[in-house]
């Protein structure tokens, strides 16, 4: 589990720091694009199958977050979306910006 998760509203980034000194910095737009919820993944797959389909761009304004047990974090976005859980392993393995 990370030692610290911090939202930086000025730079629109999330900084995740682990006890071993490993650190990841994600832009909000990158983080939102990497959202792991099933609904978002299904919508993305549908859009790949139909390049002319129109979808509203998700609001990448990060409002808040909460820890989920000792294995994940849940983020709350400006458009009310909050169903995806980001596990610590997923975040550690995800490329940062």
Protein backbone atom coordinates (compact mmCIF):
# COMPACT_ATOMS: atom_id res chain seq x y z
CA UNK A 1 0.00 0.00 0.00
CA UNK A 2 1.34 3.45 -0.85
CA UNK A 3 2.60 5.67 1.90
CA UNK A 4 0.86 8.67 0.38
CA UNK A 5 -1.64 9.65 -2.31
CA UNK A 6 -1.97 13.34 -3.05
CA UNK A 7 -4.13 15.37 -5.44
CA UNK A 8 -2.43 18.48 -6.80
CA UNK A 9 -5.19 20.72 -8.17
CA UNK A 10 -2.75 23.33 -9.44
CA UNK A 11 -0.94 20.93 -11.80
CA UNK A 12 -3.98 18.64 -12.23
CA UNK A 13 -1.96 15.59 -11.18
CA UNK A 14 -2.16 12.75 -8.69
CA UNK A 15 1.06 11.76 -6.94
CA UNK A 16 1.35 8.25 -5.50
CA UNK A 17 4.35 7.46 -3.28
CA UNK A 18 5.24 4.00 -1.92
CA UNK A 19 7.22 3.28 1.27
CA UNK A 20 10.20 2.01 -0.78
CA UNK A 21 10.55 5.45 -2.43
CA UNK A 22 8.86 4.46 -5.71
CA UNK A 23 6.75 7.33 -7.02
CA UNK A 24 4.22 7.80 -9.82
CA UNK A 25 2.73 11.07 -11.06
CA UNK A 26 -0.36 10.94 -13.25
CA UNK A 27 -2.17 13.74 -15.03
CA UNK A 28 -5.89 13.71 -14.33
CA UNK A 29 -6.67 13.14 -18.01
CA UNK A 30 -4.29 10.14 -18.14
CA UNK A 31 -5.75 8.77 -14.93
CA UNK A 32 -9.31 9.13 -16.20
CA UNK A 33 -8.38 7.48 -19.51
CA UNK A 34 -6.98 4.52 -17.58
CA UNK A 35 -10.16 4.05 -15.54
CA UNK A 36 -10.72 0.36 -14.84
CA UNK A 37 -14.51 0.20 -14.41
CA UNK A 38 -16.42 -2.31 -16.54
CA UNK A 39 -18.84 0.25 -18.00
CA UNK A 40 -16.03 2.50 -19.24
CA UNK A 41 -14.16 -0.43 -20.77
CA UNK A 42 -17.32 -1.59 -22.57
CA UNK A 43 -17.92 1.91 -23.94
CA UNK A 44 -14.32 2.13 -25.17
CA UNK A 45 -14.60 -1.24 -26.93
CA UNK A 46 -17.85 -0.19 -28.57
CA UNK A 47 -16.25 3.03 -29.82
CA UNK A 48 -13.37 1.04 -31.36
CA UNK A 49 -15.89 -1.06 -33.26
CA UNK A 50 -17.73 1.99 -34.59
CA UNK A 51 -15.40 4.93 -35.25
CA UNK A 52 -18.38 7.17 -36.10
CA UNK A 53 -20.10 6.70 -32.75
CA UNK A 54 -20.34 9.81 -30.63
CA UNK A 55 -19.67 9.76 -26.92
CA UNK A 56 -19.44 12.71 -24.61
CA UNK A 57 -15.93 13.36 -23.39
CA UNK A 58 -15.65 12.35 -19.72
CA UNK A 59 -15.08 15.13 -17.22
CA UNK A 60 -11.48 14.67 -16.06
CA UNK A 61 -11.84 17.03 -13.09
CA UNK A 62 -10.78 15.03 -10.04
CA UNK A 63 -12.93 15.98 -7.06
CA UNK A 64 -11.87 13.59 -4.29
CA UNK A 65 -10.69 10.07 -3.47
CA UNK A 66 -11.11 7.46 -0.76
CA UNK A 67 -9.14 4.35 0.19
CA UNK A 68 -10.87 1.01 -0.31
CA UNK A 69 -9.54 -1.32 2.35
CA UNK A 70 -5.79 -1.68 2.04
CA UNK A 71 -5.76 -2.73 -1.61
CA UNK A 72 -7.23 0.08 -3.75
CA UNK A 73 -8.38 3.66 -4.12
CA UNK A 74 -11.61 5.07 -5.57
CA UNK A 75 -11.69 8.44 -7.30
CA UNK A 76 -14.63 10.80 -7.65
CA UNK A 77 -14.79 12.74 -10.92
CA UNK A 78 -16.56 15.99 -11.79
CA UNK A 79 -19.26 14.19 -13.76
CA UNK A 80 -20.19 11.99 -10.77
CA UNK A 81 -18.37 8.90 -12.02
CA UNK A 82 -16.75 6.88 -9.23
CA UNK A 83 -17.31 3.19 -9.89
CA UNK A 84 -13.77 2.13 -10.85
CA UNK A 85 -11.33 0.84 -8.26
CA UNK A 86 -7.63 1.42 -8.89
CA UNK A 87 -5.63 -1.30 -7.12
CA UNK A 88 -2.18 -0.46 -5.81
CA UNK A 89 -0.65 -3.06 -8.16
CA UNK A 90 -2.48 -1.54 -11.14
CA UNK A 91 -1.22 1.94 -10.24
CA UNK A 92 2.34 0.79 -9.69
CA UNK A 93 2.39 -0.97 -13.07
CA UNK A 94 0.62 1.82 -14.98
CA UNK A 95 2.94 4.12 -16.92
CA UNK A 96 3.05 7.58 -15.43
CA UNK A 97 3.35 10.89 -17.28
